[in-house]
Amino acid sequence: SFTADVIEASKDALVLVDFWASWCGTCKQVTPVLEKVVQSY
């Protein structure tokens, strides 16, 4: 889905791509903050 969700979608808006993994503790801290900030726009 990368082409549709990121490449094509970025023609209409700024798209952030968050690469994460289930074992990554820091990811679990960063992703909720990203979601909160993105929602506000």
Full PDB file with SEQRES, HELIX, SHEET, SSBOND, CRYST1, ORIGX, SCALE, CONECT and MASTER records, all heavy atoms in Angstrom:
SEQRES   1 A   41  SER PHE THR ALA ASP VAL ILE GLU ALA SER LYS ASP ALA          
SEQRES   2 A   41  LEU VAL LEU VAL ASP PHE TRP ALA SER TRP CYS GLY THR          
SEQRES   3 A   41  CYS LYS GLN VAL THR PRO VAL LEU GLU LYS VAL VAL GLN          
SEQRES   4 A   41  SER TYR                                                      
HELIX    1 AA1 PHE A    2  PHE A    2  1                                   1    
HELIX    2 AA2 THR A    3  GLU A    8  3                                   6    
HELIX    3 AA3 ALA A    9  LYS A   11  5                                   3    
HELIX    4 AA4 GLY A   25  GLN A   39  1                                  15    
SSBOND   1 CYS A   24    CYS A   27                          1555   1555  2.38  
CRYST1    1.000    1.000    1.000  90.00  90.00  90.00 P 1           1          
ORIGX1      1.000000  0.000000  0.000000        0.00000                         
ORIGX2      0.000000  1.000000  0.000000        0.00000                         
ORIGX3      0.000000  0.000000  1.000000        0.00000                         
SCALE1      1.000000  0.000000  0.000000        0.00000                         
SCALE2      0.000000  1.000000  0.000000        0.00000                         
SCALE3      0.000000  0.000000  1.000000        0.00000                         
ATOM      1  N   SER A   1       0.807  -1.222   0.000  1.00  0.00           N  
ATOM      2  CA  SER A   1       0.000   0.000   0.000  1.00  0.00           C  
ATOM      3  C   SER A   1       0.843   1.276   0.000  1.00  0.00           C  
ATOM      4  O   SER A   1       0.288   2.373   0.002  1.00  0.00           O  
ATOM      5  CB  SER A   1      -0.929   0.017   1.222  1.00  0.00           C  
ATOM      6  OG  SER A   1      -0.172   0.144   2.418  1.00  0.00           O  
ATOM      7  N   PHE A   2       2.161   1.130  -0.001  1.00  0.00           N  
ATOM      8  CA  PHE A   2       3.043   2.291   0.165  1.00  0.00           C  
ATOM      9  C   PHE A   2       2.823   3.335  -0.926  1.00  0.00           C  
ATOM     10  O   PHE A   2       2.773   4.532  -0.643  1.00  0.00           O  
ATOM     11  CB  PHE A   2       4.509   1.843   0.179  1.00  0.00           C  
ATOM     12  CG  PHE A   2       5.476   2.930   0.543  1.00  0.00           C  
ATOM     13  CD1 PHE A   2       5.699   3.269   1.863  1.00  0.00           C  
ATOM     14  CD2 PHE A   2       6.142   3.651  -0.448  1.00  0.00           C  
ATOM     15  CE1 PHE A   2       6.582   4.279   2.208  1.00  0.00           C  
ATOM     16  CE2 PHE A   2       7.023   4.664  -0.120  1.00  0.00           C  
ATOM     17  CZ  PHE A   2       7.247   4.985   1.217  1.00  0.00           C  
ATOM     18  N   THR A   3       2.691   2.906  -2.157  1.00  0.00           N  
ATOM     19  CA  THR A   3       2.521   3.869  -3.248  1.00  0.00           C  
ATOM     20  C   THR A   3       1.259   4.700  -3.061  1.00  0.00           C  
ATOM     21  O   THR A   3       1.278   5.930  -3.189  1.00  0.00           O  
ATOM     22  CB  THR A   3       2.476   3.145  -4.603  1.00  0.00           C  
ATOM     23  OG1 THR A   3       3.719   2.476  -4.818  1.00  0.00           O  
ATOM     24  CG2 THR A   3       2.232   4.135  -5.740  1.00  0.00           C  
ATOM     25  N   ALA A   4       0.157   4.026  -2.721  1.00  0.00           N  
ATOM     26  CA  ALA A   4      -1.112   4.749  -2.550  1.00  0.00           C  
ATOM     27  C   ALA A   4      -1.134   5.568  -1.274  1.00  0.00           C  
ATOM     28  O   ALA A   4      -1.536   6.742  -1.268  1.00  0.00           O  
ATOM     29  CB  ALA A   4      -2.273   3.767  -2.559  1.00  0.00           C  
ATOM     30  N   ASP A   5      -0.687   4.949  -0.150  1.00  0.00           N  
ATOM     31  CA  ASP A   5      -0.792   5.600   1.156  1.00  0.00           C  
ATOM     32  C   ASP A   5       0.214   6.723   1.352  1.00  0.00           C  
ATOM     33  O   ASP A   5      -0.044   7.657   2.121  1.00  0.00           O  
ATOM     34  CB  ASP A   5      -0.610   4.573   2.273  1.00  0.00           C  
ATOM     35  CG  ASP A   5      -1.762   3.597   2.370  1.00  0.00           C  
ATOM     36  OD1 ASP A   5      -2.824   3.887   1.794  1.00  0.00           O  
ATOM     37  OD2 ASP A   5      -1.601   2.551   3.029  1.00  0.00           O  
ATOM     38  N   VAL A   6       1.359   6.614   0.698  1.00  0.00           N  
ATOM     39  CA  VAL A   6       2.426   7.593   0.922  1.00  0.00           C  
ATOM     40  C   VAL A   6       2.715   8.428  -0.330  1.00  0.00           C  
ATOM     41  O   VAL A   6       2.559   9.653  -0.318  1.00  0.00           O  
ATOM     42  CB  VAL A   6       3.717   6.896   1.408  1.00  0.00           C  
ATOM     43  CG1 VAL A   6       4.831   7.930   1.604  1.00  0.00           C  
ATOM     44  CG2 VAL A   6       3.455   6.140   2.706  1.00  0.00           C  
ATOM     45  N   ILE A   7       3.132   7.782  -1.409  1.00  0.00           N  
ATOM     46  CA  ILE A   7       3.548   8.523  -2.609  1.00  0.00           C  
ATOM     47  C   ILE A   7       2.391   9.345  -3.178  1.00  0.00           C  
ATOM     48  O   ILE A   7       2.516  10.557  -3.381  1.00  0.00           O  
ATOM     49  CB  ILE A   7       4.104   7.562  -3.677  1.00  0.00           C  
ATOM     50  CG1 ILE A   7       5.283   6.744  -3.114  1.00  0.00           C  
ATOM     51  CG2 ILE A   7       4.539   8.360  -4.908  1.00  0.00           C  
ATOM     52  CD1 ILE A   7       6.432   7.583  -2.601  1.00  0.00           C  
ATOM     53  N   GLU A   8       1.262   8.699  -3.428  1.00  0.00           N  
ATOM     54  CA  GLU A   8       0.116   9.415  -4.003  1.00  0.00           C  
ATOM     55  C   GLU A   8      -0.518  10.361  -2.992  1.00  0.00           C  
ATOM     56  O   GLU A   8      -0.870  11.496  -3.325  1.00  0.00           O  
ATOM     57  CB  GLU A   8      -0.923   8.411  -4.514  1.00  0.00           C  
ATOM     58  CG  GLU A   8      -0.467   7.598  -5.707  1.00  0.00           C  
ATOM     59  CD  GLU A   8      -0.122   8.461  -6.910  1.00  0.00           C  
ATOM     60  OE1 GLU A   8      -0.812   9.479  -7.127  1.00  0.00           O  
ATOM     61  OE2 GLU A   8       0.833   8.124  -7.628  1.00  0.00           O  
ATOM     62  N   ALA A   9      -0.658   9.913  -1.742  1.00  0.00           N  
ATOM     63  CA  ALA A   9      -1.291  10.751  -0.715  1.00  0.00           C  
ATOM     64  C   ALA A   9      -0.485  12.012  -0.440  1.00  0.00           C  
ATOM     65  O   ALA A   9      -1.050  13.058  -0.087  1.00  0.00           O  
ATOM     66  CB  ALA A   9      -1.463   9.949   0.572  1.00  0.00           C  
ATOM     67  N   SER A  10       0.833  11.933  -0.616  1.00  0.00           N  
ATOM     68  CA  SER A  10       1.670  13.091  -0.325  1.00  0.00           C  
ATOM     69  C   SER A  10       1.514  14.206  -1.349  1.00  0.00           C  
ATOM     70  O   SER A  10       2.064  15.296  -1.169  1.00  0.00           O  
ATOM     71  CB  SER A  10       3.145  12.674  -0.237  1.00  0.00           C  
ATOM     72  OG  SER A  10       3.651  12.327  -1.511  1.00  0.00           O  
ATOM     73  N   LYS A  11       0.769  13.956  -2.410  1.00  0.00           N  
ATOM     74  CA  LYS A  11       0.478  15.017  -3.374  1.00  0.00           C  
ATOM     75  C   LYS A  11      -0.605  15.954  -2.843  1.00  0.00           C  
ATOM     76  O   LYS A  11      -0.775  17.062  -3.353  1.00  0.00           O  
ATOM     77  CB  LYS A  11       0.050  14.401  -4.711  1.00  0.00           C  
ATOM     78  CG  LYS A  11       1.162  13.598  -5.379  1.00  0.00           C  
ATOM     79  CD  LYS A  11       0.695  12.931  -6.669  1.00  0.00           C  
ATOM     80  CE  LYS A  11       1.816  12.094  -7.287  1.00  0.00           C  
ATOM     81  NZ  LYS A  11       1.377  11.405  -8.531  1.00  0.00           N  
ATOM     82  N   ASP A  12      -1.325  15.476  -1.828  1.00  0.00           N  
ATOM     83  CA  ASP A  12      -2.397  16.289  -1.235  1.00  0.00           C  
ATOM     84  C   ASP A  12      -2.073  16.785   0.171  1.00  0.00           C  
ATOM     85  O   ASP A  12      -2.704  17.730   0.649  1.00  0.00           O  
ATOM     86  CB  ASP A  12      -3.694  15.474  -1.163  1.00  0.00           C  
ATOM     87  CG  ASP A  12      -4.189  15.057  -2.535  1.00  0.00           C  
ATOM     88  OD1 ASP A  12      -4.088  15.871  -3.469  1.00  0.00           O  
ATOM     89  OD2 ASP A  12      -4.658  13.919  -2.675  1.00  0.00           O  
ATOM     90  N   ALA A  13      -1.134  16.139   0.846  1.00  0.00           N  
ATOM     91  CA  ALA A  13      -0.820  16.509   2.234  1.00  0.00           C  
ATOM     92  C   ALA A  13       0.594  16.057   2.570  1.00  0.00           C  
ATOM     93  O   ALA A  13       1.197  15.236   1.858  1.00  0.00           O  
ATOM     94  CB  ALA A  13      -1.814  15.850   3.189  1.00  0.00           C  
ATOM     95  N   LEU A  14       1.124  16.604   3.641  1.00  0.00           N  
ATOM     96  CA  LEU A  14       2.403  16.135   4.156  1.00  0.00           C  
ATOM     97  C   LEU A  14       2.154  14.787   4.832  1.00  0.00           C  
ATOM     98  O   LEU A  14       1.279  14.671   5.685  1.00  0.00           O  
ATOM     99  CB  LEU A  14       2.958  17.141   5.171  1.00  0.00           C  
ATOM    100  CG  LEU A  14       4.313  16.798   5.802  1.00  0.00           C  
ATOM    101  CD1 LEU A  14       5.427  16.906   4.767  1.00  0.00           C  
ATOM    102  CD2 LEU A  14       4.605  17.740   6.978  1.00  0.00           C  
ATOM    103  N   VAL A  15       2.921  13.756   4.449  1.00  0.00           N  
ATOM    104  CA  VAL A  15       2.715  12.414   4.990  1.00  0.00           C  
ATOM    105  C   VAL A  15       3.938  11.995   5.804  1.00  0.00           C  
ATOM    106  O   VAL A  15       5.064  12.005   5.301  1.00  0.00           O  
ATOM    107  CB  VAL A  15       2.476  11.382   3.875  1.00  0.00           C  
ATOM    108  CG1 VAL A  15       2.309   9.975   4.473  1.00  0.00           C  
ATOM    109  CG2 VAL A  15       1.236  11.751   3.067  1.00  0.00           C  
ATOM    110  N   LEU A  16       3.708  11.653   7.062  1.00  0.00           N  
ATOM    111  CA  LEU A  16       4.759  11.108   7.912  1.00  0.00           C  
ATOM    112  C   LEU A  16       4.671   9.589   7.874  1.00  0.00           C  
ATOM    113  O   LEU A  16       3.572   9.027   7.983  1.00  0.00           O  
ATOM    114  CB  LEU A  16       4.608  11.594   9.351  1.00  0.00           C  
ATOM    115  CG  LEU A  16       4.609  13.106   9.593  1.00  0.00           C  
ATOM    116  CD1 LEU A  16       4.585  13.385  11.091  1.00  0.00           C  
ATOM    117  CD2 LEU A  16       5.796  13.775   8.949  1.00  0.00           C  
ATOM    118  N   VAL A  17       5.812   8.930   7.713  1.00  0.00           N  
ATOM    119  CA  VAL A  17       5.857   7.477   7.723  1.00  0.00           C  
ATOM    120  C   VAL A  17       6.633   7.038   8.964  1.00  0.00           C  
ATOM    121  O   VAL A  17       7.812   7.374   9.118  1.00  0.00           O  
ATOM    122  CB  VAL A  17       6.523   6.926   6.453  1.00  0.00           C  
ATOM    123  CG1 VAL A  17       6.481   5.399   6.458  1.00  0.00           C  
ATOM    124  CG2 VAL A  17       5.827   7.466   5.208  1.00  0.00           C  
ATOM    125  N   ASP A  18       5.960   6.333   9.832  1.00  0.00           N  
ATOM    126  CA  ASP A  18       6.540   5.893  11.103  1.00  0.00           C  
ATOM    127  C   ASP A  18       6.910   4.411  11.002  1.00  0.00           C  
ATOM    128  O   ASP A  18       6.035   3.544  10.966  1.00  0.00           O  
ATOM    129  CB  ASP A  18       5.511   6.120  12.223  1.00  0.00           C  
ATOM    130  CG  ASP A  18       5.960   5.547  13.559  1.00  0.00           C  
ATOM    131  OD1 ASP A  18       7.175   5.381  13.757  1.00  0.00           O  
ATOM    132  OD2 ASP A  18       5.077   5.270  14.398  1.00  0.00           O  
ATOM    133  N   PHE A  19       8.224   4.124  10.924  1.00  0.00           N  
ATOM    134  CA  PHE A  19       8.693   2.745  10.926  1.00  0.00           C  
ATOM    135  C   PHE A  19       8.917   2.307  12.371  1.00  0.00           C  
ATOM    136  O   PHE A  19       9.664   2.951  13.108  1.00  0.00           O  
ATOM    137  CB  PHE A  19       9.997   2.622  10.132  1.00  0.00           C  
ATOM    138  CG  PHE A  19       9.783   2.663   8.648  1.00  0.00           C  
ATOM    139  CD1 PHE A  19       9.845   3.865   7.951  1.00  0.00           C  
ATOM    140  CD2 PHE A  19       9.505   1.503   7.943  1.00  0.00           C  
ATOM    141  CE1 PHE A  19       9.653   3.906   6.579  1.00  0.00           C  
ATOM    142  CE2 PHE A  19       9.299   1.527   6.563  1.00  0.00           C  
ATOM    143  CZ  PHE A  19       9.379   2.734   5.880  1.00  0.00           C  
ATOM    144  N   TRP A  20       8.256   1.207  12.749  1.00  0.00           N  
ATOM    145  CA  TRP A  20       8.275   0.748  14.129  1.00  0.00           C  
ATOM    146  C   TRP A  20       8.403  -0.776  14.149  1.00  0.00           C  
ATOM    147  O   TRP A  20       8.372  -1.437  13.109  1.00  0.00           O  
ATOM    148  CB  TRP A  20       6.991   1.154  14.838  1.00  0.00           C  
ATOM    149  CG  TRP A  20       5.768   0.526  14.209  1.00  0.00           C  
ATOM    150  CD1 TRP A  20       5.101   0.946  13.095  1.00  0.00           C  
ATOM    151  CD2 TRP A  20       5.115  -0.672  14.638  1.00  0.00           C  
ATOM    152  NE1 TRP A  20       4.062   0.102  12.800  1.00  0.00           N  
ATOM    153  CE2 TRP A  20       4.047  -0.916  13.733  1.00  0.00           C  
ATOM    154  CE3 TRP A  20       5.320  -1.555  15.692  1.00  0.00           C  
ATOM    155  CZ2 TRP A  20       3.193  -1.997  13.857  1.00  0.00           C  
ATOM    156  CZ3 TRP A  20       4.465  -2.644  15.821  1.00  0.00           C  
ATOM    157  CH2 TRP A  20       3.417  -2.854  14.917  1.00  0.00           C  
ATOM    158  N   ALA A  21       8.533  -1.328  15.352  1.00  0.00           N  
ATOM    159  CA  ALA A  21       8.550  -2.786  15.539  1.00  0.00           C  
ATOM    160  C   ALA A  21       7.956  -3.096  16.904  1.00  0.00           C  
ATOM    161  O   ALA A  21       8.045  -2.280  17.830  1.00  0.00           O  
ATOM    162  CB  ALA A  21       9.967  -3.339  15.424  1.00  0.00           C  
ATOM    163  N   SER A  22       7.380  -4.253  17.037  1.00  0.00           N  
ATOM    164  CA  SER A  22       6.693  -4.626  18.277  1.00  0.00           C  
ATOM    165  C   SER A  22       7.638  -4.722  19.467  1.00  0.00           C  
ATOM    166  O   SER A  22       7.237  -4.520  20.609  1.00  0.00           O  
ATOM    167  CB  SER A  22       5.964  -5.956  18.085  1.00  0.00           C  
ATOM    168  OG  SER A  22       6.882  -6.978  17.720  1.00  0.00           O  
ATOM    169  N   TRP A  23       8.918  -5.034  19.204  1.00  0.00           N  
ATOM    170  CA  TRP A  23       9.895  -5.174  20.291  1.00  0.00           C  
ATOM    171  C   TRP A  23      10.510  -3.836  20.702  1.00  0.00           C  
ATOM    172  O   TRP A  23      11.260  -3.767  21.680  1.00  0.00           O  
ATOM    173  CB  TRP A  23      11.027  -6.120  19.859  1.00  0.00           C  
ATOM    174  CG  TRP A  23      11.613  -5.775  18.516  1.00  0.00           C  
ATOM    175  CD1 TRP A  23      11.297  -6.330  17.317  1.00  0.00           C  
ATOM    176  CD2 TRP A  23      12.608  -4.775  18.243  1.00  0.00           C  
ATOM    177  NE1 TRP A  23      12.020  -5.764  16.295  1.00  0.00           N  
ATOM    178  CE2 TRP A  23      12.844  -4.800  16.845  1.00  0.00           C  
ATOM    179  CE3 TRP A  23      13.322  -3.870  19.027  1.00  0.00           C  
ATOM    180  CZ2 TRP A  23      13.747  -3.950  16.225  1.00  0.00           C  
ATOM    181  CZ3 TRP A  23      14.231  -3.024  18.410  1.00  0.00           C  
ATOM    182  CH2 TRP A  23      14.441  -3.070  17.028  1.00  0.00           C  
ATOM    183  N   CYS A  24      10.190  -2.782  19.970  1.00  0.00           N  
ATOM    184  CA  CYS A  24      10.830  -1.468  20.179  1.00  0.00           C  
ATOM    185  C   CYS A  24      10.067  -0.663  21.235  1.00  0.00           C  
ATOM    186  O   CYS A  24       8.982  -0.141  20.977  1.00  0.00           O  
ATOM    187  CB  CYS A  24      10.879  -0.709  18.856  1.00  0.00           C  
ATOM    188  SG  CYS A  24      11.440   1.000  18.996  1.00  0.00           S  
ATOM    189  N   GLY A  25      10.663  -0.545  22.421  1.00  0.00           N  
ATOM    190  CA  GLY A  25      10.025   0.206  23.498  1.00  0.00           C  
ATOM    191  C   GLY A  25       9.885   1.682  23.184  1.00  0.00           C  
ATOM    192  O   GLY A  25       8.864   2.312  23.503  1.00  0.00           O  
ATOM    193  N   THR A  26      10.896   2.269  22.557  1.00  0.00           N  
ATOM    194  CA  THR A  26      10.836   3.690  22.208  1.00  0.00           C  
ATOM    195  C   THR A  26       9.721   3.970  21.210  1.00  0.00           C  
ATOM    196  O   THR A  26       9.072   5.016  21.257  1.00  0.00           O  
ATOM    197  CB  THR A  26      12.185   4.156  21.637  1.00  0.00           C  
ATOM    198  OG1 THR A  26      13.229   3.835  22.556  1.00  0.00           O  
ATOM    199  CG2 THR A  26      12.192   5.653  21.387  1.00  0.00           C  
ATOM    200  N   CYS A  27       9.488   3.007  20.297  1.00  0.00           N  
ATOM    201  CA  CYS A  27       8.408   3.162  19.315  1.00  0.00           C  
ATOM    202  C   CYS A  27       7.062   3.350  20.018  1.00  0.00           C  
ATOM    203  O   CYS A  27       6.219   4.141  19.580  1.00  0.00           O  
ATOM    204  CB  CYS A  27       8.329   1.938  18.411  1.00  0.00           C  
ATOM    205  SG  CYS A  27       9.799   1.661  17.403  1.00  0.00           S  
ATOM    206  N   LYS A  28       6.867   2.608  21.100  1.00  0.00           N  
ATOM    207  CA  LYS A  28       5.606   2.677  21.831  1.00  0.00           C  
ATOM    208  C   LYS A  28       5.407   4.034  22.507  1.00  0.00           C  
ATOM    209  O   LYS A  28       4.284   4.421  22.831  1.00  0.00           O  
ATOM    210  CB  LYS A  28       5.547   1.561  22.864  1.00  0.00           C  
ATOM    211  CG  LYS A  28       5.546   0.162  22.238  1.00  0.00           C  
ATOM    212  CD  LYS A  28       5.593  -0.922  23.292  1.00  0.00           C  
ATOM    213  CE  LYS A  28       5.655  -2.306  22.651  1.00  0.00           C  
ATOM    214  NZ  LYS A  28       5.751  -3.393  23.661  1.00  0.00           N  
ATOM    215  N   GLN A  29       6.511   4.762  22.699  1.00  0.00           N  
ATOM    216  CA  GLN A  29       6.422   6.109  23.276  1.00  0.00           C  
ATOM    217  C   GLN A  29       6.188   7.151  22.186  1.00  0.00           C  
ATOM    218  O   GLN A  29       5.426   8.100  22.372  1.00  0.00           O  
ATOM    219  CB  GLN A  29       7.714   6.440  24.026  1.00  0.00           C  
ATOM    220  CG  GLN A  29       8.033   5.511  25.180  1.00  0.00           C  
ATOM    221  CD  GLN A  29       9.411   5.792  25.775  1.00  0.00           C  
ATOM    222  OE1 GLN A  29      10.026   6.812  25.487  1.00  0.00           O  
ATOM    223  NE2 GLN A  29       9.908   4.875  26.591  1.00  0.00           N  
ATOM    224  N   VAL A  30       6.858   6.959  21.048  1.00  0.00           N  
ATOM    225  CA  VAL A  30       6.818   7.968  19.993  1.00  0.00           C  
ATOM    226  C   VAL A  30       5.510   7.946  19.209  1.00  0.00           C  
ATOM    227  O   VAL A  30       4.926   9.005  18.911  1.00  0.00           O  
ATOM    228  CB  VAL A  30       8.011   7.786  19.027  1.00  0.00           C  
ATOM    229  CG1 VAL A  30       7.880   8.719  17.816  1.00  0.00           C  
ATOM    230  CG2 VAL A  30       9.318   8.051  19.749  1.00  0.00           C  
ATOM    231  N   THR A  31       5.012   6.762  18.869  1.00  0.00           N  
ATOM    232  CA  THR A  31       3.831   6.662  18.006  1.00  0.00           C  
ATOM    233  C   THR A  31       2.612   7.401  18.557  1.00  0.00           C  
ATOM    234  O   THR A  31       1.950   8.140  17.810  1.00  0.00           O  
ATOM    235  CB  THR A  31       3.493   5.187  17.726  1.00  0.00           C  
ATOM    236  OG1 THR A  31       4.597   4.582  17.053  1.00  0.00           O  
ATOM    237  CG2 THR A  31       2.256   5.076  16.854  1.00  0.00           C  
ATOM    238  N   PRO A  32       2.256   7.267  19.841  1.00  0.00           N  
ATOM    239  CA  PRO A  32       1.098   8.016  20.353  1.00  0.00           C  
ATOM    240  C   PRO A  32       1.270   9.528  20.243  1.00  0.00           C  
ATOM    241  O   PRO A  32       0.300  10.254  20.001  1.00  0.00           O  
ATOM    242  CB  PRO A  32       1.009   7.573  21.822  1.00  0.00           C  
ATOM    243  CG  PRO A  32       1.685   6.244  21.860  1.00  0.00           C  
ATOM    244  CD  PRO A  32       2.796   6.346  20.873  1.00  0.00           C  
ATOM    245  N   VAL A  33       2.501  10.003  20.415  1.00  0.00           N  
ATOM    246  CA  VAL A  33       2.755  11.442  20.281  1.00  0.00           C  
ATOM    247  C   VAL A  33       2.570  11.873  18.834  1.00  0.00           C  
ATOM    248  O   VAL A  33       1.964  12.906  18.542  1.00  0.00           O  
ATOM    249  CB  VAL A  33       4.168  11.800  20.780  1.00  0.00           C  
ATOM    250  CG1 VAL A  33       4.435  13.290  20.601  1.00  0.00           C  
ATOM    251  CG2 VAL A  33       4.341  11.410  22.233  1.00  0.00           C  
ATOM    252  N   LEU A  34       3.080  11.069  17.907  1.00  0.00           N  
ATOM    253  CA  LEU A  34       2.899  11.355  16.485  1.00  0.00           C  
ATOM    254  C   LEU A  34       1.418  11.424  16.135  1.00  0.00           C  
ATOM    255  O   LEU A  34       0.972  12.334  15.426  1.00  0.00           O  
ATOM    256  CB  LEU A  34       3.576  10.274  15.637  1.00  0.00           C  
ATOM    257  CG  LEU A  34       5.095  10.345  15.484  1.00  0.00           C  
ATOM    258  CD1 LEU A  34       5.617   9.067  14.839  1.00  0.00           C  
ATOM    259  CD2 LEU A  34       5.496  11.558  14.655  1.00  0.00           C  
ATOM    260  N   GLU A  35       0.647  10.465  16.636  1.00  0.00           N  
ATOM    261  CA  GLU A  35      -0.784  10.431  16.347  1.00  0.00           C  
ATOM    262  C   GLU A  35      -1.479  11.694  16.868  1.00  0.00           C  
ATOM    263  O   GLU A  35      -2.310  12.297  16.177  1.00  0.00           O  
ATOM    264  CB  GLU A  35      -1.410   9.184  16.973  1.00  0.00           C  
ATOM    265  CG  GLU A  35      -0.964   7.879  16.320  1.00  0.00           C  
ATOM    266  CD  GLU A  35      -1.562   6.657  17.006  1.00  0.00           C  
ATOM    267  OE1 GLU A  35      -2.085   6.807  18.129  1.00  0.00           O  
ATOM    268  OE2 GLU A  35      -1.506   5.571  16.410  1.00  0.00           O  
ATOM    269  N   LYS A  36      -1.136  12.085  18.084  1.00  0.00           N  
ATOM    270  CA  LYS A  36      -1.744  13.263  18.695  1.00  0.00           C  
ATOM    271  C   LYS A  36      -1.446  14.520  17.879  1.00  0.00           C  
ATOM    272  O   LYS A  36      -2.337  15.331  17.594  1.00  0.00           O  
ATOM    273  CB  LYS A  36      -1.222  13.425  20.123  1.00  0.00           C  
ATOM    274  CG  LYS A  36      -1.697  14.679  20.825  1.00  0.00           C  
ATOM    275  CD  LYS A  36      -1.050  14.800  22.192  1.00  0.00           C  
ATOM    276  CE  LYS A  36      -1.453  16.098  22.895  1.00  0.00           C  
ATOM    277  NZ  LYS A  36      -0.772  16.251  24.206  1.00  0.00           N  
ATOM    278  N   VAL A  37      -0.188  14.673  17.488  1.00  0.00           N  
ATOM    279  CA  VAL A  37       0.213  15.859  16.730  1.00  0.00           C  
ATOM    280  C   VAL A  37      -0.451  15.867  15.364  1.00  0.00           C  
ATOM    281  O   VAL A  37      -0.993  16.886  14.925  1.00  0.00           O  
ATOM    282  CB  VAL A  37       1.745  15.921  16.598  1.00  0.00           C  
ATOM    283  CG1 VAL A  37       2.154  17.063  15.666  1.00  0.00           C  
ATOM    284  CG2 VAL A  37       2.400  16.104  17.964  1.00  0.00           C  
ATOM    285  N   VAL A  38      -0.436  14.750  14.666  1.00  0.00           N  
ATOM    286  CA  VAL A  38      -1.023  14.673  13.330  1.00  0.00           C  
ATOM    287  C   VAL A  38      -2.513  14.977  13.374  1.00  0.00           C  
ATOM    288  O   VAL A  38      -3.047  15.698  12.513  1.00  0.00           O  
ATOM    289  CB  VAL A  38      -0.761  13.283  12.716  1.00  0.00           C  
ATOM    290  CG1 VAL A  38      -1.625  13.062  11.476  1.00  0.00           C  
ATOM    291  CG2 VAL A  38       0.714  13.141  12.354  1.00  0.00           C  
ATOM    292  N   GLN A  39      -3.225  14.475  14.374  1.00  0.00           N  
ATOM    293  CA  GLN A  39      -4.658  14.746  14.502  1.00  0.00           C  
ATOM    294  C   GLN A  39      -4.942  16.235  14.606  1.00  0.00           C  
ATOM    295  O   GLN A  39      -5.967  16.718  14.119  1.00  0.00           O  
ATOM    296  CB  GLN A  39      -5.215  14.038  15.735  1.00  0.00           C  
ATOM    297  CG  GLN A  39      -5.406  12.543  15.555  1.00  0.00           C  
ATOM    298  CD  GLN A  39      -5.851  11.881  16.851  1.00  0.00           C  
ATOM    299  OE1 GLN A  39      -5.524  12.350  17.939  1.00  0.00           O  
ATOM    300  NE2 GLN A  39      -6.588  10.799  16.733  1.00  0.00           N  
ATOM    301  N   SER A  40      -4.056  16.966  15.231  1.00  0.00           N  
ATOM    302  CA  SER A  40      -4.307  18.390  15.472  1.00  0.00           C  
ATOM    303  C   SER A  40      -4.248  19.231  14.207  1.00  0.00           C  
ATOM    304  O   SER A  40      -4.648  20.392  14.224  1.00  0.00           O  
ATOM    305  CB  SER A  40      -3.315  18.927  16.509  1.00  0.00           C  
ATOM    306  OG  SER A  40      -1.999  19.034  15.967  1.00  0.00           O  
ATOM    307  N   TYR A  41      -3.741  18.678  13.106  1.00  0.00           N  
ATOM    308  CA  TYR A  41      -3.603  19.454  11.870  1.00  0.00           C  
ATOM    309  C   TYR A  41      -4.807  19.322  10.945  1.00  0.00           C  
ATOM    310  O   TYR A  41      -4.793  19.828   9.823  1.00  0.00           O  
ATOM    311  CB  TYR A  41      -2.317  19.067  11.141  1.00  0.00           C  
ATOM    312  CG  TYR A  41      -1.100  19.735  11.746  1.00  0.00           C  
ATOM    313  CD1 TYR A  41      -0.412  19.155  12.798  1.00  0.00           C  
ATOM    314  CD2 TYR A  41      -0.651  20.963  11.273  1.00  0.00           C  
ATOM    315  CE1 TYR A  41       0.683  19.766  13.368  1.00  0.00           C  
ATOM    316  CE2 TYR A  41       0.451  21.589  11.825  1.00  0.00           C  
ATOM    317  CZ  TYR A  41       1.112  20.984  12.882  1.00  0.00           C  
ATOM    318  OH  TYR A  41       2.193  21.606  13.446  1.00  0.00           O  
TER     319      TYR A  41                                                      
CONECT  188  205                                                                
CONECT  205  188                                                                
MASTER        0    0    0    4    0    0    0    6  318    1    2    4          
END                                                                             
